[in-house]
Amino acid sequence: MHPSLAIVLSAALAIAGCASSSPKPAEGSAFKTRVMTQEKGGVRAAVVALSAAESEAVYGVPLASSRSGSRSTIATIEPTG
């Protein structure tokens, strides 16, 4: 592979990996009771895995796969101080 092609492909993959979405509001969602939160060094991190039904309600598509065992997640990282 030509070196410049490898650089362009790497950059495209890096940008695609940082893509964002516009999820629907999750107020009142049951998954909020399963959020795992940890604080350390002035930073708070929270994460939760969604079921297929939950991800469909938030993102409009069922993102979990029982065949591969993959689940979509929501993660937030914010300063505490």
Foldseek 3Di string as FASTA:
>chain_A
DDPVVVVVVVVVVVVVVPDDDQWDDQPPPPQVVVWDWDDDDQKIKIKTWDAQVRCCNTPVGRPADPVVRDTDMDMDMDGND
